[in-house]
PDB file of N, CA and C in Angstrom:
ATOM      1  N   MET A   1      -9.910 -34.420 -47.018  1.00  0.00           N
ATOM      2  CA  MET A   1     -10.416 -33.384 -46.139  1.00  0.00           C
ATOM      3  C   MET A   1     -11.116 -34.004 -44.934  1.00  0.00           C
ATOM      4  N   ASP A   2     -11.715 -35.172 -45.152  1.00  0.00           N
ATOM      5  CA  ASP A   2     -12.421 -35.846 -44.078  1.00  0.00           C
ATOM      6  C   ASP A   2     -11.453 -36.285 -42.983  1.00  0.00           C
ATOM      7  N   HIS A   3     -10.274 -36.731 -43.370  1.00  0.00           N
ATOM      8  CA  HIS A   3      -9.264 -37.154 -42.403  1.00  0.00           C
ATOM      9  C   HIS A   3      -8.776 -35.965 -41.563  1.00  0.00           C
ATOM     10  N   PHE A   4      -8.632 -34.816 -42.201  1.00  0.00           N
ATOM     11  CA  PHE A   4      -8.178 -33.598 -41.509  1.00  0.00           C
ATOM     12  C   PHE A   4      -9.202 -33.158 -40.469  1.00  0.00           C
ATOM     13  N   SER A   5     -10.480 -33.192 -40.795  1.00  0.00           N
ATOM     14  CA  SER A   5     -11.514 -32.767 -39.844  1.00  0.00           C
ATOM     15  C   SER A   5     -11.617 -33.744 -38.675  1.00  0.00           C
ATOM     16  N   LYS A   6     -11.408 -35.047 -38.919  1.00  0.00           N
ATOM     17  CA  LYS A   6     -11.445 -36.024 -37.839  1.00  0.00           C
ATOM     18  C   LYS A   6     -10.261 -35.827 -36.888  1.00  0.00           C
ATOM     19  N   SER A   7      -9.074 -35.582 -37.460  1.00  0.00           N
ATOM     20  CA  SER A   7      -7.904 -35.375 -36.601  1.00  0.00           C
ATOM     21  C   SER A   7      -8.033 -34.068 -35.819  1.00  0.00           C
ATOM     22  N   LEU A   8      -8.606 -33.035 -36.450  1.00  0.00           N
ATOM     23  CA  LEU A   8      -8.821 -31.755 -35.757  1.00  0.00           C
ATOM     24  C   LEU A   8      -9.866 -31.919 -34.662  1.00  0.00           C
ATOM     25  N   ASP A   9     -10.902 -32.715 -34.929  1.00  0.00           N
ATOM     26  CA  ASP A   9     -11.949 -32.970 -33.951  1.00  0.00           C
ATOM     27  C   ASP A   9     -11.399 -33.743 -32.753  1.00  0.00           C
ATOM     28  N   SER A  10     -10.566 -34.748 -33.021  1.00  0.00           N
ATOM     29  CA  SER A  10      -9.973 -35.510 -31.921  1.00  0.00           C
ATOM     30  C   SER A  10      -8.967 -34.659 -31.142  1.00  0.00           C
ATOM     31  N   PHE A  11      -8.338 -33.727 -31.839  1.00  0.00           N
ATOM     32  CA  PHE A  11      -7.397 -32.803 -31.191  1.00  0.00           C
ATOM     33  C   PHE A  11      -8.131 -31.929 -30.182  1.00  0.00           C
ATOM     34  N   PHE A  12      -9.299 -31.413 -30.536  1.00  0.00           N
ATOM     35  CA  PHE A  12     -10.055 -30.537 -29.649  1.00  0.00           C
ATOM     36  C   PHE A  12     -10.830 -31.300 -28.583  1.00  0.00           C
ATOM     37  N   LYS A  13     -10.984 -32.616 -28.729  1.00  0.00           N
ATOM     38  CA  LYS A  13     -11.651 -33.417 -27.700  1.00  0.00           C
ATOM     39  C   LYS A  13     -10.688 -33.795 -26.574  1.00  0.00           C
ATOM     40  N   ASN A  14      -9.411 -33.574 -26.785  1.00  0.00           N
ATOM     41  CA  ASN A  14      -8.421 -33.857 -25.754  1.00  0.00           C
ATOM     42  C   ASN A  14      -8.708 -32.954 -24.551  1.00  0.00           C
ATOM     43  N   LYS A  15      -8.701 -33.511 -23.341  1.00  0.00           N
ATOM     44  CA  LYS A  15      -9.054 -32.748 -22.143  1.00  0.00           C
ATOM     45  C   LYS A  15      -8.105 -31.591 -21.879  1.00  0.00           C
ATOM     46  N   PHE A  16      -6.823 -31.758 -22.180  1.00  0.00           N
ATOM     47  CA  PHE A  16      -5.880 -30.665 -21.936  1.00  0.00           C
ATOM     48  C   PHE A  16      -6.203 -29.469 -22.814  1.00  0.00           C
ATOM     49  N   PHE A  17      -6.459 -29.708 -24.091  1.00  0.00           N
ATOM     50  CA  PHE A  17      -6.727 -28.590 -24.994  1.00  0.00           C
ATOM     51  C   PHE A  17      -8.120 -28.017 -24.790  1.00  0.00           C
ATOM     52  N   ARG A  18      -8.996 -28.799 -24.163  1.00  0.00           N
ATOM     53  CA  ARG A  18     -10.354 -28.314 -23.921  1.00  0.00           C
ATOM     54  C   ARG A  18     -10.454 -27.537 -22.611  1.00  0.00           C
ATOM     55  N   TYR A  19      -9.747 -27.982 -21.567  1.00  0.00           N
ATOM     56  CA  TYR A  19      -9.850 -27.341 -20.256  1.00  0.00           C
ATOM     57  C   TYR A  19      -8.529 -26.751 -19.759  1.00  0.00           C
ATOM     58  N   GLY A  20      -7.451 -27.444 -19.957  1.00  0.00           N
ATOM     59  CA  GLY A  20      -6.173 -27.021 -19.390  1.00  0.00           C
ATOM     60  C   GLY A  20      -5.578 -25.809 -20.076  1.00  0.00           C
ATOM     61  N   LEU A  21      -5.530 -25.833 -21.394  1.00  0.00           N
ATOM     62  CA  LEU A  21      -4.923 -24.729 -22.138  1.00  0.00           C
ATOM     63  C   LEU A  21      -5.673 -23.414 -21.933  1.00  0.00           C
ATOM     64  N   PRO A  22      -7.022 -23.378 -21.997  1.00  0.00           N
ATOM     65  CA  PRO A  22      -7.699 -22.108 -21.701  1.00  0.00           C
ATOM     66  C   PRO A  22      -7.449 -21.607 -20.280  1.00  0.00           C
ATOM     67  N   PHE A  23      -7.360 -22.548 -19.341  1.00  0.00           N
ATOM     68  CA  PHE A  23      -7.096 -22.141 -17.956  1.00  0.00           C
ATOM     69  C   PHE A  23      -5.707 -21.526 -17.823  1.00  0.00           C
ATOM     70  N   ILE A  24      -4.716 -22.156 -18.433  1.00  0.00           N
ATOM     71  CA  ILE A  24      -3.351 -21.617 -18.366  1.00  0.00           C
ATOM     72  C   ILE A  24      -3.279 -20.258 -19.047  1.00  0.00           C
ATOM     73  N   LEU A  25      -3.938 -20.123 -20.208  1.00  0.00           N
ATOM     74  CA  LEU A  25      -3.946 -18.830 -20.897  1.00  0.00           C
ATOM     75  C   LEU A  25      -4.648 -17.760 -20.058  1.00  0.00           C
ATOM     76  N   LEU A  26      -5.707 -18.144 -19.361  1.00  0.00           N
ATOM     77  CA  LEU A  26      -6.414 -17.185 -18.516  1.00  0.00           C
ATOM     78  C   LEU A  26      -5.541 -16.727 -17.351  1.00  0.00           C
ATOM     79  N   VAL A  27      -4.845 -17.641 -16.721  1.00  0.00           N
ATOM     80  CA  VAL A  27      -4.000 -17.282 -15.573  1.00  0.00           C
ATOM     81  C   VAL A  27      -2.825 -16.414 -16.013  1.00  0.00           C
ATOM     82  N   VAL A  28      -2.131 -16.834 -17.042  1.00  0.00           N
ATOM     83  CA  VAL A  28      -0.959 -16.078 -17.506  1.00  0.00           C
ATOM     84  C   VAL A  28      -1.382 -14.741 -18.099  1.00  0.00           C
ATOM     85  N   GLY A  29      -2.410 -14.757 -18.938  1.00  0.00           N
ATOM     86  CA  GLY A  29      -2.891 -13.502 -19.529  1.00  0.00           C
ATOM     87  C   GLY A  29      -3.471 -12.574 -18.487  1.00  0.00           C
ATOM     88  N   GLY A  30      -4.138 -13.139 -17.471  1.00  0.00           N
ATOM     89  CA  GLY A  30      -4.700 -12.315 -16.408  1.00  0.00           C
ATOM     90  C   GLY A  30      -3.636 -11.619 -15.593  1.00  0.00           C
ATOM     91  N   SER A  31      -2.516 -12.290 -15.373  1.00  0.00           N
ATOM     92  CA  SER A  31      -1.452 -11.638 -14.594  1.00  0.00           C
ATOM     93  C   SER A  31      -0.854 -10.471 -15.367  1.00  0.00           C
ATOM     94  N   PHE A  32      -0.686 -10.649 -16.686  1.00  0.00           N
ATOM     95  CA  PHE A  32      -0.180  -9.526 -17.480  1.00  0.00           C
ATOM     96  C   PHE A  32      -1.193  -8.387 -17.538  1.00  0.00           C
ATOM     97  N   GLY A  33      -2.461  -8.720 -17.689  1.00  0.00           N
ATOM     98  CA  GLY A  33      -3.491  -7.686 -17.723  1.00  0.00           C
ATOM     99  C   GLY A  33      -3.605  -6.962 -16.405  1.00  0.00           C
ATOM    100  N   LEU A  34      -3.544  -7.699 -15.316  1.00  0.00           N
ATOM    101  CA  LEU A  34      -3.627  -7.085 -13.995  1.00  0.00           C
ATOM    102  C   LEU A  34      -2.449  -6.159 -13.739  1.00  0.00           C
ATOM    103  N   ARG A  35      -1.282  -6.540 -14.226  1.00  0.00           N
ATOM    104  CA  ARG A  35      -0.107  -5.690 -14.057  1.00  0.00           C
ATOM    105  C   ARG A  35      -0.308  -4.368 -14.793  1.00  0.00           C
ATOM    106  N   GLU A  36      -0.869  -4.420 -15.988  1.00  0.00           N
ATOM    107  CA  GLU A  36      -1.085  -3.193 -16.756  1.00  0.00           C
ATOM    108  C   GLU A  36      -2.130  -2.297 -16.074  1.00  0.00           C
ATOM    109  N   PHE A  37      -3.206  -2.900 -15.570  1.00  0.00           N
ATOM    110  CA  PHE A  37      -4.226  -2.096 -14.914  1.00  0.00           C
ATOM    111  C   PHE A  37      -3.726  -1.502 -13.609  1.00  0.00           C
ATOM    112  N   SER A  38      -2.923  -2.228 -12.870  1.00  0.00           N
ATOM    113  CA  SER A  38      -2.416  -1.677 -11.610  1.00  0.00           C
ATOM    114  C   SER A  38      -1.318  -0.638 -11.857  1.00  0.00           C
ATOM    115  N   GLN A  39      -0.648  -0.701 -12.977  1.00  0.00           N
ATOM    116  CA  GLN A  39       0.383   0.286 -13.303  1.00  0.00           C
ATOM    117  C   GLN A  39      -0.241   1.649 -13.574  1.00  0.00           C
ATOM    118  N   ILE A  40      -1.473   1.680 -14.053  1.00  0.00           N
ATOM    119  CA  ILE A  40      -2.167   2.943 -14.324  1.00  0.00           C
ATOM    120  C   ILE A  40      -2.267   3.766 -13.052  1.00  0.00           C
ATOM    121  N   ARG A  41      -2.463   3.107 -11.943  1.00  0.00           N
ATOM    122  CA  ARG A  41      -2.584   3.785 -10.653  1.00  0.00           C
ATOM    123  C   ARG A  41      -1.342   4.593 -10.325  1.00  0.00           C
ATOM    124  N   TYR A  42      -0.192   4.065 -10.648  1.00  0.00           N
ATOM    125  CA  TYR A  42       1.056   4.754 -10.334  1.00  0.00           C
ATOM    126  C   TYR A  42       1.458   5.754 -11.414  1.00  0.00           C
ATOM    127  N   ASP A  43       1.039   5.524 -12.640  1.00  0.00           N
ATOM    128  CA  ASP A  43       1.401   6.438 -13.721  1.00  0.00           C
ATOM    129  C   ASP A  43       0.687   7.775 -13.595  1.00  0.00           C
ATOM    130  N   TYR A  44      -0.553   7.764 -13.151  1.00  0.00           N
ATOM    131  CA  TYR A  44      -1.352   8.978 -13.125  1.00  0.00           C
ATOM    132  C   TYR A  44      -1.538   9.538 -11.725  1.00  0.00           C
ATOM    133  N   ARG A  45      -0.675   9.181 -10.817  1.00  0.00           N
ATOM    134  CA  ARG A  45      -0.720   9.716  -9.462  1.00  0.00           C
ATOM    135  C   ARG A  45      -0.259  11.167  -9.492  1.00  0.00           C
ATOM    136  N   LYS A  46      -0.950  12.033  -8.746  1.00  0.00           N
ATOM    137  CA  LYS A  46      -0.618  13.452  -8.748  1.00  0.00           C
ATOM    138  C   LYS A  46       0.297  13.771  -7.570  1.00  0.00           C
ATOM    139  N   VAL A  47       1.535  13.350  -7.663  1.00  0.00           N
ATOM    140  CA  VAL A  47       2.507  13.607  -6.613  1.00  0.00           C
ATOM    141  C   VAL A  47       3.561  14.546  -7.178  1.00  0.00           C
ATOM    142  N   LYS A  48       3.759  15.633  -6.485  1.00  0.00           N
ATOM    143  CA  LYS A  48       4.779  16.583  -6.906  1.00  0.00           C
ATOM    144  C   LYS A  48       5.840  16.651  -5.816  1.00  0.00           C
ATOM    145  N   PHE A  49       7.070  16.474  -6.200  1.00  0.00           N
ATOM    146  CA  PHE A  49       8.162  16.568  -5.254  1.00  0.00           C
ATOM    147  C   PHE A  49       8.650  18.011  -5.221  1.00  0.00           C
ATOM    148  N   ILE A  50       8.846  18.527  -4.011  1.00  0.00           N
ATOM    149  CA  ILE A  50       9.275  19.911  -3.843  1.00  0.00           C
ATOM    150  C   ILE A  50      10.752  19.921  -3.522  1.00  0.00           C
ATOM    151  N   SER A  51      11.495  20.713  -4.250  1.00  0.00           N
ATOM    152  CA  SER A  51      12.933  20.789  -4.027  1.00  0.00           C
ATOM    153  C   SER A  51      13.218  21.643  -2.783  1.00  0.00           C
ATOM    154  N   PRO A  52      14.371  21.457  -2.167  1.00  0.00           N
ATOM    155  CA  PRO A  52      14.715  22.271  -0.991  1.00  0.00           C
ATOM    156  C   PRO A  52      14.759  23.768  -1.294  1.00  0.00           C
ATOM    157  N   GLU A  53      15.103  24.128  -2.521  1.00  0.00           N
ATOM    158  CA  GLU A  53      15.132  25.556  -2.883  1.00  0.00           C
ATOM    159  C   GLU A  53      13.722  26.142  -2.853  1.00  0.00           C
ATOM    160  N   GLU A  54      12.743  25.387  -3.345  1.00  0.00           N
ATOM    161  CA  GLU A  54      11.366  25.867  -3.320  1.00  0.00           C
ATOM    162  C   GLU A  54      10.844  25.976  -1.898  1.00  0.00           C
ATOM    163  N   LEU A  55      11.266  25.062  -1.026  1.00  0.00           N
ATOM    164  CA  LEU A  55      10.865  25.137   0.371  1.00  0.00           C
ATOM    165  C   LEU A  55      11.434  26.372   1.054  1.00  0.00           C
ATOM    166  N   LYS A  56      12.679  26.714   0.740  1.00  0.00           N
ATOM    167  CA  LYS A  56      13.296  27.916   1.327  1.00  0.00           C
ATOM    168  C   LYS A  56      12.578  29.170   0.856  1.00  0.00           C
ATOM    169  N   LYS A  57      12.120  29.176  -0.404  1.00  0.00           N
ATOM    170  CA  LYS A  57      11.377  30.334  -0.909  1.00  0.00           C
ATOM    171  C   LYS A  57      10.065  30.517  -0.153  1.00  0.00           C
ATOM    172  N   GLN A  58       9.463  29.412   0.285  1.00  0.00           N
ATOM    173  CA  GLN A  58       8.203  29.483   1.009  1.00  0.00           C
ATOM    174  C   GLN A  58       8.411  29.700   2.508  1.00  0.00           C
ATOM    175  N   GLY A  59       9.638  29.716   2.962  1.00  0.00           N
ATOM    176  CA  GLY A  59       9.931  29.984   4.362  1.00  0.00           C
ATOM    177  C   GLY A  59      10.000  28.743   5.231  1.00  0.00           C
ATOM    178  N   ILE A  60      10.135  27.591   4.629  1.00  0.00           N
ATOM    179  CA  ILE A  60      10.229  26.339   5.388  1.00  0.00           C
ATOM    180  C   ILE A  60      11.680  25.904   5.397  1.00  0.00           C
ATOM    181  N   GLU A  61      12.197  25.697   6.604  1.00  0.00           N
ATOM    182  CA  GLU A  61      13.610  25.314   6.721  1.00  0.00           C
ATOM    183  C   GLU A  61      13.715  23.813   6.959  1.00  0.00           C
ATOM    184  N   MET A  62      14.507  23.149   6.168  1.00  0.00           N
ATOM    185  CA  MET A  62      14.718  21.703   6.309  1.00  0.00           C
ATOM    186  C   MET A  62      15.877  21.462   7.260  1.00  0.00           C
ATOM    187  N   LYS A  63      15.688  20.510   8.171  1.00  0.00           N
ATOM    188  CA  LYS A  63      16.776  20.133   9.062  1.00  0.00           C
ATOM    189  C   LYS A  63      17.618  19.071   8.369  1.00  0.00           C
ATOM    190  N   PRO A  64      18.920  19.073   8.628  1.00  0.00           N
ATOM    191  CA  PRO A  64      19.752  18.038   8.005  1.00  0.00           C
ATOM    192  C   PRO A  64      19.363  16.657   8.521  1.00  0.00           C
ATOM    193  N   ARG A  65      19.517  15.671   7.664  1.00  0.00           N
ATOM    194  CA  ARG A  65      19.148  14.302   8.047  1.00  0.00           C
ATOM    195  C   ARG A  65      20.015  13.821   9.201  1.00  0.00           C
ATOM    196  N   GLY A  66      19.383  13.120  10.117  1.00  0.00           N
ATOM    197  CA  GLY A  66      20.105  12.563  11.244  1.00  0.00           C
ATOM    198  C   GLY A  66      20.169  13.494  12.434  1.00  0.00           C
ATOM    199  N   SER A  67      19.736  14.748  12.287  1.00  0.00           N
ATOM    200  CA  SER A  67      19.818  15.664  13.422  1.00  0.00           C
ATOM    201  C   SER A  67      18.647  15.463  14.383  1.00  0.00           C
ATOM    202  N   VAL A  68      17.547  14.906  13.932  1.00  0.00           N
ATOM    203  CA  VAL A  68      16.393  14.667  14.778  1.00  0.00           C
ATOM    204  C   VAL A  68      16.323  13.178  15.083  1.00  0.00           C
ATOM    205  N   THR A  69      16.368  12.848  16.371  1.00  0.00           N
ATOM    206  CA  THR A  69      16.257  11.451  16.777  1.00  0.00           C
ATOM    207  C   THR A  69      15.147  11.333  17.817  1.00  0.00           C
ATOM    208  N   ILE A  70      14.780  10.138  18.112  1.00  0.00           N
ATOM    209  CA  ILE A  70      13.736   9.898  19.106  1.00  0.00           C
ATOM    210  C   ILE A  70      14.191  10.375  20.478  1.00  0.00           C
ATOM    211  N   GLU A  71      15.444  10.158  20.776  1.00  0.00           N
ATOM    212  CA  GLU A  71      15.953  10.546  22.088  1.00  0.00           C
ATOM    213  C   GLU A  71      15.912  12.055  22.285  1.00  0.00           C
ATOM    214  N   THR A  72      16.300  12.824  21.271  1.00  0.00           N
ATOM    215  CA  THR A  72      16.275  14.285  21.412  1.00  0.00           C
ATOM    216  C   THR A  72      14.843  14.790  21.536  1.00  0.00           C
ATOM    217  N   GLU A  73      13.929  14.221  20.796  1.00  0.00           N
ATOM    218  CA  GLU A  73      12.529  14.645  20.901  1.00  0.00           C
ATOM    219  C   GLU A  73      11.946  14.263  22.261  1.00  0.00           C
ATOM    220  N   TYR A  74      12.344  13.130  22.805  1.00  0.00           N
ATOM    221  CA  TYR A  74      11.885  12.709  24.128  1.00  0.00           C
ATOM    222  C   TYR A  74      12.401  13.669  25.198  1.00  0.00           C
ATOM    223  N   LYS A  75      13.649  14.096  25.095  1.00  0.00           N
ATOM    224  CA  LYS A  75      14.199  15.045  26.061  1.00  0.00           C
ATOM    225  C   LYS A  75      13.478  16.384  25.992  1.00  0.00           C
ATOM    226  N   LYS A  76      13.134  16.837  24.782  1.00  0.00           N
ATOM    227  CA  LYS A  76      12.373  18.086  24.639  1.00  0.00           C
ATOM    228  C   LYS A  76      11.002  17.954  25.280  1.00  0.00           C
ATOM    229  N   LEU A  77      10.372  16.810  25.122  1.00  0.00           N
ATOM    230  CA  LEU A  77       9.049  16.579  25.696  1.00  0.00           C
ATOM    231  C   LEU A  77       9.120  16.555  27.218  1.00  0.00           C
ATOM    232  N   LEU A  78      10.152  15.941  27.777  1.00  0.00           N
ATOM    233  CA  LEU A  78      10.303  15.901  29.232  1.00  0.00           C
ATOM    234  C   LEU A  78      10.545  17.283  29.816  1.00  0.00           C
ATOM    235  N   GLU A  79      11.201  18.161  29.062  1.00  0.00           N
ATOM    236  CA  GLU A  79      11.413  19.527  29.546  1.00  0.00           C
ATOM    237  C   GLU A  79      10.098  20.295  29.600  1.00  0.00           C
ATOM    238  N   GLN A  80       9.177  20.014  28.710  1.00  0.00           N
ATOM    239  CA  GLN A  80       7.912  20.745  28.652  1.00  0.00           C
ATOM    240  C   GLN A  80       6.899  20.226  29.672  1.00  0.00           C
ATOM    241  N   VAL A  81       6.945  18.938  30.009  1.00  0.00           N
ATOM    242  CA  VAL A  81       5.938  18.323  30.865  1.00  0.00           C
ATOM    243  C   VAL A  81       6.544  18.052  32.236  1.00  0.00           C
ATOM    244  N   ASN A  82       5.784  18.383  33.280  1.00  0.00           N
ATOM    245  CA  ASN A  82       6.218  18.118  34.643  1.00  0.00           C
ATOM    246  C   ASN A  82       5.527  16.842  35.113  1.00  0.00           C
ATOM    247  N   LEU A  83       6.258  15.740  35.193  1.00  0.00           N
ATOM    248  CA  LEU A  83       5.674  14.470  35.583  1.00  0.00           C
ATOM    249  C   LEU A  83       5.587  14.294  37.096  1.00  0.00           C
ATOM    250  N   GLU A  84       6.237  15.157  37.874  1.00  0.00           N
ATOM    251  CA  GLU A  84       6.209  15.038  39.325  1.00  0.00           C
ATOM    252  C   GLU A  84       4.844  15.431  39.895  1.00  0.00           C
ATOM    253  N   ASP A  85       4.180  16.392  39.293  1.00  0.00           N
ATOM    254  CA  ASP A  85       2.892  16.872  39.795  1.00  0.00           C
ATOM    255  C   ASP A  85       1.726  16.253  39.033  1.00  0.00           C
ATOM    256  N   TYR A  86       1.930  15.108  38.443  1.00  0.00           N
ATOM    257  CA  TYR A  86       0.889  14.452  37.647  1.00  0.00           C
ATOM    258  C   TYR A  86      -0.180  13.882  38.571  1.00  0.00           C
ATOM    259  N   GLU A  87      -1.449  14.101  38.223  1.00  0.00           N
ATOM    260  CA  GLU A  87      -2.555  13.589  39.009  1.00  0.00           C
ATOM    261  C   GLU A  87      -3.506  12.855  38.081  1.00  0.00           C
ATOM    262  N   ASN A  88      -3.857  11.624  38.450  1.00  0.00           N
ATOM    263  CA  ASN A  88      -4.756  10.817  37.642  1.00  0.00           C
ATOM    264  C   ASN A  88      -6.194  11.213  37.951  1.00  0.00           C
ATOM    265  N   LYS A  89      -6.929  11.697  36.973  1.00  0.00           N
ATOM    266  CA  LYS A  89      -8.305  12.124  37.167  1.00  0.00           C
ATOM    267  C   LYS A  89      -9.222  11.099  36.509  1.00  0.00           C
ATOM    268  N   ARG A  90     -10.212  10.652  37.260  1.00  0.00           N
ATOM    269  CA  ARG A  90     -11.158   9.673  36.743  1.00  0.00           C
ATOM    270  C   ARG A  90     -12.386  10.376  36.209  1.00  0.00           C
ATOM    271  N   ILE A  91     -12.932   9.821  35.170  1.00  0.00           N
ATOM    272  CA  ILE A  91     -14.179  10.367  34.639  1.00  0.00           C
ATOM    273  C   ILE A  91     -15.336   9.684  35.350  1.00  0.00           C
ATOM    274  N   PRO A  92     -16.504  10.343  35.398  1.00  0.00           N
ATOM    275  CA  PRO A  92     -17.634   9.684  36.066  1.00  0.00           C
ATOM    276  C   PRO A  92     -18.091   8.455  35.286  1.00  0.00           C
ATOM    277  N   ARG A  93     -18.453   7.412  36.021  1.00  0.00           N
ATOM    278  CA  ARG A  93     -18.898   6.173  35.389  1.00  0.00           C
ATOM    279  C   ARG A  93     -20.340   6.318  34.927  1.00  0.00           C
ATOM    280  N   PRO A  94     -20.680   5.604  33.866  1.00  0.00           N
ATOM    281  CA  PRO A  94     -22.091   5.641  33.420  1.00  0.00           C
ATOM    282  C   PRO A  94     -23.003   5.002  34.467  1.00  0.00           C
ATOM    283  N   PRO A  95     -24.264   5.352  34.468  1.00  0.00           N
ATOM    284  CA  PRO A  95     -25.174   4.771  35.459  1.00  0.00           C
ATOM    285  C   PRO A  95     -25.269   3.251  35.286  1.00  0.00           C
ATOM    286  N   GLY A  96     -25.252   2.545  36.387  1.00  0.00           N
ATOM    287  CA  GLY A  96     -25.359   1.095  36.352  1.00  0.00           C
ATOM    288  C   GLY A  96     -24.027   0.384  36.435  1.00  0.00           C
ATOM    289  N   PHE A  97     -22.926   1.075  36.287  1.00  0.00           N
ATOM    290  CA  PHE A  97     -21.598   0.461  36.363  1.00  0.00           C
ATOM    291  C   PHE A  97     -20.920   0.917  37.648  1.00  0.00           C
ATOM    292  N   GLU A  98     -20.661  -0.016  38.524  1.00  0.00           N
ATOM    293  CA  GLU A  98     -20.042   0.300  39.807  1.00  0.00           C
ATOM    294  C   GLU A  98     -18.625  -0.282  39.817  1.00  0.00           C
ATOM    295  N   ASP A  99     -17.801   0.132  40.782  1.00  0.00           N
ATOM    296  CA  ASP A  99     -16.437  -0.409  40.916  1.00  0.00           C
ATOM    297  C   ASP A  99     -16.425  -1.842  41.297  1.00  0.00           C
TER     298      ASP A  99
END
């Protein structure tokens, strides 16, 4: 029994088993634990997807995909705004600040 305790004692005095193995277990175990804790955030999220049929019941009309582009929205904006009569208005400067 004395030989077994000496070999076990020398086994635990090895630097790898004293410092390296706990560090590796902490890093690997921590990544698995962190994954489980961060997964909770997505599992219990209160997101409800609304089907197009439910939207029609509420009076909201969905446009088909691809029908709205940046260019068409820009043209609509240009029709509403008159850029020819644009005038730059300056706000009054605070006291102490000159041009």
